């Protein structure tokens, strides 16, 4: 059965939230970071996933 496309939520998926542990865990595991470093990056960039990933990708060149 297919998904009902008319039922959508309005969450902003472009932002990472420090209050959601799974989002912090994802960033930690993807970039092999400590919890404190992941939380620092989320706070520094206001949770903006693109900016966090750009900073980490630039370091991992």
PDB file of N, CA and C in Angstrom:
ATOM      1  N   UNK A   1       0.845  -1.164   0.000  1.00  0.00           N
ATOM      2  CA  UNK A   1       0.000   0.000   0.000  1.00  0.00           C
ATOM      3  C   UNK A   1       0.897   1.236   0.000  1.00  0.00           C
ATOM      4  N   UNK A   2       0.540   2.225  -0.795  1.00  0.00           N
ATOM      5  CA  UNK A   2       1.369   3.416  -0.902  1.00  0.00           C
ATOM      6  C   UNK A   2       1.052   4.424   0.201  1.00  0.00           C
ATOM      7  N   UNK A   3       1.996   5.317   0.424  1.00  0.00           N
ATOM      8  CA  UNK A   3       1.802   6.370   1.424  1.00  0.00           C
ATOM      9  C   UNK A   3       0.782   7.384   0.935  1.00  0.00           C
ATOM     10  N   UNK A   4       0.044   7.950   1.861  1.00  0.00           N
ATOM     11  CA  UNK A   4      -0.909   9.005   1.542  1.00  0.00           C
ATOM     12  C   UNK A   4      -0.153  10.323   1.521  1.00  0.00           C
ATOM     13  N   UNK A   5       0.108  10.854   0.334  1.00  0.00           N
ATOM     14  CA  UNK A   5       0.909  12.074   0.169  1.00  0.00           C
ATOM     15  C   UNK A   5       0.200  13.318   0.699  1.00  0.00           C
ATOM     16  N   UNK A   6      -1.107  13.220   0.928  1.00  0.00           N
ATOM     17  CA  UNK A   6      -1.822  14.388   1.444  1.00  0.00           C
ATOM     18  C   UNK A   6      -1.620  14.569   2.941  1.00  0.00           C
ATOM     19  N   UNK A   7      -1.127  13.533   3.601  1.00  0.00           N
ATOM     20  CA  UNK A   7      -0.876  13.613   5.046  1.00  0.00           C
ATOM     21  C   UNK A   7       0.605  13.868   5.273  1.00  0.00           C
ATOM     22  N   UNK A   8       0.931  15.116   5.493  1.00  0.00           N
ATOM     23  CA  UNK A   8       2.323  15.480   5.746  1.00  0.00           C
ATOM     24  C   UNK A   8       2.429  16.221   7.053  1.00  0.00           C
ATOM     25  N   UNK A   9       3.593  16.178   7.619  1.00  0.00           N
ATOM     26  CA  UNK A   9       3.819  16.969   8.827  1.00  0.00           C
ATOM     27  C   UNK A   9       4.643  18.190   8.441  1.00  0.00           C
ATOM     28  N   UNK A  10       4.834  19.072   9.362  1.00  0.00           N
ATOM     29  CA  UNK A  10       5.498  20.327   9.050  1.00  0.00           C
ATOM     30  C   UNK A  10       6.808  20.482   9.815  1.00  0.00           C
ATOM     31  N   UNK A  11       7.463  19.367  10.090  1.00  0.00           N
ATOM     32  CA  UNK A  11       8.752  19.430  10.756  1.00  0.00           C
ATOM     33  C   UNK A  11       9.804  19.955   9.796  1.00  0.00           C
ATOM     34  N   UNK A  12      10.735  20.663  10.323  1.00  0.00           N
ATOM     35  CA  UNK A  12      11.823  21.195   9.517  1.00  0.00           C
ATOM     36  C   UNK A  12      12.962  20.186   9.538  1.00  0.00           C
ATOM     37  N   UNK A  13      13.072  19.416   8.499  1.00  0.00           N
ATOM     38  CA  UNK A  13      14.076  18.360   8.449  1.00  0.00           C
ATOM     39  C   UNK A  13      15.467  18.875   8.120  1.00  0.00           C
ATOM     40  N   UNK A  14      15.586  20.156   7.852  1.00  0.00           N
ATOM     41  CA  UNK A  14      16.902  20.719   7.565  1.00  0.00           C
ATOM     42  C   UNK A  14      17.635  21.096   8.841  1.00  0.00           C
ATOM     43  N   UNK A  15      17.007  20.944   9.976  1.00  0.00           N
ATOM     44  CA  UNK A  15      17.595  21.303  11.267  1.00  0.00           C
ATOM     45  C   UNK A  15      17.794  20.062  12.132  1.00  0.00           C
ATOM     46  N   UNK A  16      18.904  20.040  12.832  1.00  0.00           N
ATOM     47  CA  UNK A  16      19.174  18.999  13.819  1.00  0.00           C
ATOM     48  C   UNK A  16      18.846  19.567  15.189  1.00  0.00           C
ATOM     49  N   UNK A  17      18.231  18.777  16.009  1.00  0.00           N
ATOM     50  CA  UNK A  17      17.815  19.241  17.328  1.00  0.00           C
ATOM     51  C   UNK A  17      18.631  18.554  18.417  1.00  0.00           C
ATOM     52  N   UNK A  18      19.115  19.332  19.371  1.00  0.00           N
ATOM     53  CA  UNK A  18      19.862  18.738  20.474  1.00  0.00           C
ATOM     54  C   UNK A  18      18.942  17.990  21.427  1.00  0.00           C
ATOM     55  N   UNK A  19      17.658  18.283  21.368  1.00  0.00           N
ATOM     56  CA  UNK A  19      16.721  17.598  22.262  1.00  0.00           C
ATOM     57  C   UNK A  19      16.327  16.219  21.749  1.00  0.00           C
ATOM     58  N   UNK A  20      16.675  15.900  20.507  1.00  0.00           N
ATOM     59  CA  UNK A  20      16.397  14.583  19.944  1.00  0.00           C
ATOM     60  C   UNK A  20      17.696  13.789  19.894  1.00  0.00           C
ATOM     61  N   UNK A  21      17.800  12.803  20.771  1.00  0.00           N
ATOM     62  CA  UNK A  21      19.041  12.042  20.891  1.00  0.00           C
ATOM     63  C   UNK A  21      19.426  11.341  19.590  1.00  0.00           C
ATOM     64  N   UNK A  22      18.442  10.838  18.840  1.00  0.00           N
ATOM     65  CA  UNK A  22      18.773  10.115  17.613  1.00  0.00           C
ATOM     66  C   UNK A  22      19.420  11.039  16.576  1.00  0.00           C
ATOM     67  N   UNK A  23      19.085  12.321  16.589  1.00  0.00           N
ATOM     68  CA  UNK A  23      19.700  13.254  15.654  1.00  0.00           C
ATOM     69  C   UNK A  23      21.156  13.524  16.026  1.00  0.00           C
ATOM     70  N   UNK A  24      21.412  13.653  17.311  1.00  0.00           N
ATOM     71  CA  UNK A  24      22.789  13.842  17.785  1.00  0.00           C
ATOM     72  C   UNK A  24      23.597  12.574  17.499  1.00  0.00           C
ATOM     73  N   UNK A  25      23.010  11.412  17.746  1.00  0.00           N
ATOM     74  CA  UNK A  25      23.684  10.135  17.489  1.00  0.00           C
ATOM     75  C   UNK A  25      24.039   9.982  16.011  1.00  0.00           C
ATOM     76  N   UNK A  26      23.143  10.416  15.133  1.00  0.00           N
ATOM     77  CA  UNK A  26      23.396  10.313  13.696  1.00  0.00           C
ATOM     78  C   UNK A  26      24.633  11.117  13.307  1.00  0.00           C
ATOM     79  N   UNK A  27      24.715  12.342  13.775  1.00  0.00           N
ATOM     80  CA  UNK A  27      25.865  13.189  13.460  1.00  0.00           C
ATOM     81  C   UNK A  27      27.133  12.588  14.066  1.00  0.00           C
ATOM     82  N   UNK A  28      27.027  12.083  15.282  1.00  0.00           N
ATOM     83  CA  UNK A  28      28.183  11.467  15.939  1.00  0.00           C
ATOM     84  C   UNK A  28      28.691  10.277  15.135  1.00  0.00           C
ATOM     85  N   UNK A  29      27.793   9.399  14.715  1.00  0.00           N
ATOM     86  CA  UNK A  29      28.223   8.191  14.025  1.00  0.00           C
ATOM     87  C   UNK A  29      28.673   8.476  12.595  1.00  0.00           C
ATOM     88  N   UNK A  30      28.035   9.405  11.919  1.00  0.00           N
ATOM     89  CA  UNK A  30      28.395   9.696  10.534  1.00  0.00           C
ATOM     90  C   UNK A  30      29.791  10.296  10.426  1.00  0.00           C
ATOM     91  N   UNK A  31      30.134  11.144  11.381  1.00  0.00           N
ATOM     92  CA  UNK A  31      31.419  11.842  11.320  1.00  0.00           C
ATOM     93  C   UNK A  31      32.400  11.410  12.405  1.00  0.00           C
ATOM     94  N   UNK A  32      32.085  10.373  13.139  1.00  0.00           N
ATOM     95  CA  UNK A  32      32.949   9.845  14.196  1.00  0.00           C
ATOM     96  C   UNK A  32      33.335  10.948  15.182  1.00  0.00           C
ATOM     97  N   UNK A  33      32.313  11.581  15.768  1.00  0.00           N
ATOM     98  CA  UNK A  33      32.514  12.680  16.710  1.00  0.00           C
ATOM     99  C   UNK A  33      32.131  12.265  18.123  1.00  0.00           C
ATOM    100  N   UNK A  34      32.665  12.996  19.086  1.00  0.00           N
ATOM    101  CA  UNK A  34      32.204  12.827  20.457  1.00  0.00           C
ATOM    102  C   UNK A  34      30.870  13.535  20.606  1.00  0.00           C
ATOM    103  N   UNK A  35      30.153  13.196  21.632  1.00  0.00           N
ATOM    104  CA  UNK A  35      28.851  13.824  21.879  1.00  0.00           C
ATOM    105  C   UNK A  35      29.012  15.332  22.085  1.00  0.00           C
ATOM    106  N   UNK A  36      30.016  15.719  22.856  1.00  0.00           N
ATOM    107  CA  UNK A  36      30.237  17.146  23.107  1.00  0.00           C
ATOM    108  C   UNK A  36      30.536  17.912  21.824  1.00  0.00           C
ATOM    109  N   UNK A  37      31.349  17.340  20.951  1.00  0.00           N
ATOM    110  CA  UNK A  37      31.681  18.013  19.682  1.00  0.00           C
ATOM    111  C   UNK A  37      30.436  18.138  18.803  1.00  0.00           C
ATOM    112  N   UNK A  38      29.616  17.104  18.743  1.00  0.00           N
ATOM    113  CA  UNK A  38      28.386  17.157  17.959  1.00  0.00           C
ATOM    114  C   UNK A  38      27.446  18.234  18.503  1.00  0.00           C
ATOM    115  N   UNK A  39      27.322  18.307  19.821  1.00  0.00           N
ATOM    116  CA  UNK A  39      26.459  19.321  20.433  1.00  0.00           C
ATOM    117  C   UNK A  39      26.994  20.729  20.180  1.00  0.00           C
ATOM    118  N   UNK A  40      28.316  20.889  20.204  1.00  0.00           N
ATOM    119  CA  UNK A  40      28.924  22.189  19.908  1.00  0.00           C
ATOM    120  C   UNK A  40      28.596  22.637  18.489  1.00  0.00           C
ATOM    121  N   UNK A  41      28.716  21.714  17.547  1.00  0.00           N
ATOM    122  CA  UNK A  41      28.447  22.055  16.152  1.00  0.00           C
ATOM    123  C   UNK A  41      26.976  22.404  15.932  1.00  0.00           C
ATOM    124  N   UNK A  42      26.098  21.666  16.564  1.00  0.00           N
ATOM    125  CA  UNK A  42      24.666  21.946  16.437  1.00  0.00           C
ATOM    126  C   UNK A  42      24.370  23.335  16.999  1.00  0.00           C
ATOM    127  N   UNK A  43      24.952  23.657  18.137  1.00  0.00           N
ATOM    128  CA  UNK A  43      24.738  24.972  18.743  1.00  0.00           C
ATOM    129  C   UNK A  43      25.359  26.075  17.887  1.00  0.00           C
ATOM    130  N   UNK A  44      26.562  25.849  17.376  1.00  0.00           N
ATOM    131  CA  UNK A  44      27.274  26.843  16.581  1.00  0.00           C
ATOM    132  C   UNK A  44      26.505  27.223  15.319  1.00  0.00           C
ATOM    133  N   UNK A  45      25.898  26.228  14.680  1.00  0.00           N
ATOM    134  CA  UNK A  45      25.214  26.455  13.412  1.00  0.00           C
ATOM    135  C   UNK A  45      23.697  26.505  13.551  1.00  0.00           C
ATOM    136  N   UNK A  46      23.219  26.585  14.763  1.00  0.00           N
ATOM    137  CA  UNK A  46      21.778  26.684  14.980  1.00  0.00           C
ATOM    138  C   UNK A  46      21.024  25.457  14.508  1.00  0.00           C
ATOM    139  N   UNK A  47      21.709  24.338  14.443  1.00  0.00           N
ATOM    140  CA  UNK A  47      21.071  23.098  14.017  1.00  0.00           C
ATOM    141  C   UNK A  47      21.004  22.918  12.512  1.00  0.00           C
ATOM    142  N   UNK A  48      21.525  23.852  11.739  1.00  0.00           N
ATOM    143  CA  UNK A  48      21.468  23.781  10.281  1.00  0.00           C
ATOM    144  C   UNK A  48      22.342  22.623   9.791  1.00  0.00           C
ATOM    145  N   UNK A  49      21.701  21.565   9.310  1.00  0.00           N
ATOM    146  CA  UNK A  49      22.431  20.362   8.876  1.00  0.00           C
ATOM    147  C   UNK A  49      23.423  20.645   7.765  1.00  0.00           C
ATOM    148  N   UNK A  50      23.042  21.472   6.796  1.00  0.00           N
ATOM    149  CA  UNK A  50      23.931  21.761   5.675  1.00  0.00           C
ATOM    150  C   UNK A  50      25.223  22.411   6.136  1.00  0.00           C
ATOM    151  N   UNK A  51      25.117  23.382   7.027  1.00  0.00           N
ATOM    152  CA  UNK A  51      26.307  24.072   7.514  1.00  0.00           C
ATOM    153  C   UNK A  51      27.185  23.147   8.348  1.00  0.00           C
ATOM    154  N   UNK A  52      26.566  22.301   9.163  1.00  0.00           N
ATOM    155  CA  UNK A  52      27.321  21.334   9.967  1.00  0.00           C
ATOM    156  C   UNK A  52      28.078  20.395   9.042  1.00  0.00           C
ATOM    157  N   UNK A  53      27.387  19.849   8.050  1.00  0.00           N
ATOM    158  CA  UNK A  53      28.020  18.911   7.130  1.00  0.00           C
ATOM    159  C   UNK A  53      29.093  19.577   6.285  1.00  0.00           C
ATOM    160  N   UNK A  54      28.878  20.834   5.878  1.00  0.00           N
ATOM    161  CA  UNK A  54      29.893  21.544   5.103  1.00  0.00           C
ATOM    162  C   UNK A  54      31.161  21.745   5.916  1.00  0.00           C
ATOM    163  N   UNK A  55      31.008  22.117   7.191  1.00  0.00           N
ATOM    164  CA  UNK A  55      32.183  22.311   8.042  1.00  0.00           C
ATOM    165  C   UNK A  55      32.933  21.006   8.231  1.00  0.00           C
ATOM    166  N   UNK A  56      32.208  19.925   8.482  1.00  0.00           N
ATOM    167  CA  UNK A  56      32.854  18.652   8.719  1.00  0.00           C
ATOM    168  C   UNK A  56      33.461  18.076   7.432  1.00  0.00           C
ATOM    169  N   UNK A  57      32.814  18.266   6.301  1.00  0.00           N
ATOM    170  CA  UNK A  57      33.357  17.793   5.040  1.00  0.00           C
ATOM    171  C   UNK A  57      34.626  18.557   4.682  1.00  0.00           C
ATOM    172  N   UNK A  58      34.672  19.844   4.998  1.00  0.00           N
ATOM    173  CA  UNK A  58      35.854  20.650   4.700  1.00  0.00           C
ATOM    174  C   UNK A  58      37.056  20.165   5.522  1.00  0.00           C
ATOM    175  N   UNK A  59      36.793  19.737   6.743  1.00  0.00           N
ATOM    176  CA  UNK A  59      37.868  19.248   7.610  1.00  0.00           C
ATOM    177  C   UNK A  59      38.341  17.868   7.166  1.00  0.00           C
ATOM    178  N   UNK A  60      37.443  17.059   6.641  1.00  0.00           N
ATOM    179  CA  UNK A  60      37.758  15.678   6.269  1.00  0.00           C
ATOM    180  C   UNK A  60      38.221  15.521   4.827  1.00  0.00           C
ATOM    181  N   UNK A  61      38.705  16.574   4.209  1.00  0.00           N
ATOM    182  CA  UNK A  61      39.140  16.503   2.803  1.00  0.00           C
ATOM    183  C   UNK A  61      40.311  15.612   2.631  1.00  0.00           C
TER     184      UNK A  61
END
